[in-house]
Protein backbone atom coordinates (compact mmCIF):
# COMPACT_ATOMS: atom_id res chain seq x y z
CA UNK A 1 -12.51 -6.54 15.46
CA UNK A 2 -13.47 -2.86 15.34
CA UNK A 3 -15.38 -3.33 12.09
CA UNK A 4 -17.38 -6.16 13.66
CA UNK A 5 -18.33 -3.85 16.56
CA UNK A 6 -19.38 -1.15 14.11
CA UNK A 7 -21.47 -3.62 12.14
CA UNK A 8 -23.15 -4.94 15.31
CA UNK A 9 -23.85 -1.36 16.40
CA UNK A 10 -25.34 -0.59 13.00
CA UNK A 11 -27.64 -3.62 13.12
CA UNK A 12 -28.74 -2.96 16.72
CA UNK A 13 -29.37 0.70 15.91
CA UNK A 14 -31.38 -0.19 12.85
CA UNK A 15 -33.51 -2.69 14.75
CA UNK A 16 -34.03 -0.20 17.57
CA UNK A 17 -34.97 2.53 15.11
CA UNK A 18 -37.38 0.24 13.30
CA UNK A 19 -38.98 -0.75 16.61
CA UNK A 20 -39.47 2.88 17.60
CA UNK A 21 -40.89 3.65 14.17
CA UNK A 22 -43.43 0.83 14.49
CA UNK A 23 -44.50 1.93 17.96
CA UNK A 24 -44.87 5.58 16.99
CA UNK A 25 -46.18 5.07 13.45
CA UNK A 26 -49.30 7.05 12.56
CA UNK A 27 -49.89 4.73 9.59
CA UNK A 28 -52.40 1.95 9.09
CA UNK A 29 -51.35 -1.69 9.31
CA UNK A 30 -50.99 -2.23 5.55
CA UNK A 31 -49.08 1.03 5.06
CA UNK A 32 -46.82 0.14 7.94
CA UNK A 33 -46.18 -3.36 6.56
CA UNK A 34 -45.22 -2.03 3.13
CA UNK A 35 -43.00 0.58 4.75
CA UNK A 36 -41.27 -2.10 6.85
CA UNK A 37 -40.82 -4.32 3.78
CA UNK A 38 -39.12 -1.45 1.93
CA UNK A 39 -36.94 -0.70 4.95
CA UNK A 40 -35.85 -4.32 5.29
CA UNK A 41 -34.77 -4.33 1.63
CA UNK A 42 -32.76 -1.17 2.20
CA UNK A 43 -31.14 -2.66 5.30
CA UNK A 44 -30.24 -5.86 3.42
CA UNK A 45 -28.69 -3.95 0.55
CA UNK A 46 -26.75 -1.72 2.98
CA UNK A 47 -25.41 -4.73 4.88
CA UNK A 48 -24.44 -6.43 1.60
CA UNK A 49 -22.64 -3.29 0.51
CA UNK A 50 -20.77 -3.15 3.83
CA UNK A 51 -19.74 -6.81 3.47
CA UNK A 52 -18.48 -6.15 -0.04
CA UNK A 53 -16.48 -3.09 1.05
CA UNK A 54 -14.95 -5.02 3.97
CA UNK A 55 -13.95 -7.78 1.57
CA UNK A 56 -12.36 -5.22 -0.78
CA UNK A 57 -10.40 -3.67 2.10
CA UNK A 58 -9.22 -7.10 3.23
CA UNK A 59 -8.04 -7.95 -0.29
CA UNK A 60 -6.21 -4.62 -0.56
CA UNK A 61 -4.42 -5.21 2.72
CA UNK A 62 -3.38 -8.71 1.65
CA UNK A 63 -2.07 -7.38 -1.69
CA UNK A 64 -0.12 -4.62 0.07
CA UNK A 65 1.39 -7.19 2.45
CA UNK A 66 2.44 -9.38 -0.48
CA UNK A 67 3.98 -6.43 -2.36
CA UNK A 68 5.89 -5.39 0.75
CA UNK A 69 7.47 -8.83 1.00
CA UNK A 70 8.50 -8.57 -2.67
CA UNK A 71 10.19 -5.23 -2.02
CA UNK A 72 12.48 -6.85 0.56
CA UNK A 73 13.55 -9.47 -1.98
CA UNK A 74 14.21 -6.79 -4.60
CA UNK A 75 16.34 -4.78 -2.17
CA UNK A 76 18.46 -7.85 -1.47
CA UNK A 77 18.93 -8.46 -5.21
CA UNK A 78 19.95 -4.83 -5.79
CA UNK A 79 22.51 -5.06 -2.97
CA UNK A 80 24.03 -8.15 -4.59
CA UNK A 81 24.13 -6.46 -8.00
CA UNK A 82 25.83 -3.36 -6.60
CA UNK A 83 28.39 -5.49 -4.76
CA UNK A 84 29.15 -7.47 -7.94
CA UNK A 85 29.44 -4.23 -9.95
CA UNK A 86 31.92 -2.80 -7.45
CA UNK A 87 34.01 -5.98 -7.63
CA UNK A 88 33.94 -5.88 -11.44
CA UNK A 89 35.07 -2.25 -11.76
CA UNK A 90 37.70 -2.32 -9.00
CA UNK A 91 40.56 -3.45 -11.33
CA UNK A 92 39.59 -0.78 -13.85
CA UNK A 93 39.61 1.91 -11.16
CA UNK A 94 43.17 0.92 -10.20
CA UNK A 95 44.26 1.05 -13.84
CA UNK A 96 42.67 4.48 -14.26
CA UNK A 97 44.42 5.78 -11.14
CA UNK A 98 47.81 4.55 -12.38
CA UNK A 99 47.09 6.07 -15.82
CA UNK A 100 46.25 9.43 -14.22
CA UNK A 101 49.45 9.24 -12.18
CA UNK A 102 51.46 8.56 -15.36
CA UNK A 103 49.83 11.52 -17.10
CA UNK A 104 50.57 13.79 -14.11
CA UNK A 105 54.22 12.66 -14.16
CA UNK A 106 54.51 13.37 -17.88
CA UNK A 107 52.89 16.78 -17.43
CA UNK A 108 55.38 17.56 -14.66
CA UNK A 109 58.29 16.52 -16.92
CA UNK A 110 56.97 18.63 -19.77
CA UNK A 111 56.52 21.63 -17.47
CA UNK A 112 60.11 21.23 -16.24
CA UNK A 113 61.45 21.11 -19.80
CA UNK A 114 59.40 24.16 -20.76
CA UNK A 115 60.58 26.15 -17.76
CA UNK A 116 64.31 25.41 -18.51
């Protein structure tokens, strides 16, 4: 909505400026006509450029929106993978803990024998 207001303001300002230029022009009729023809071409190219830039911005916003929705899906997939990984390694963690306990018990026995 704001861009539309800016574009309308640009067009109105250009028309107003052109009107003032015609009324205050110290040129002859033919010179003034050729000047106005050149100005209208410049205005058309500027408005076309603005339309193209607005279209590019719109496309960029739509792409960003699409990518953002993909990020949410990826986060959900990563959460599932981490949960599955934790479930898979849980038995191994218990085995490692019992193995460490066994080693600590053996070390304690060896230290007792060495201190006797």
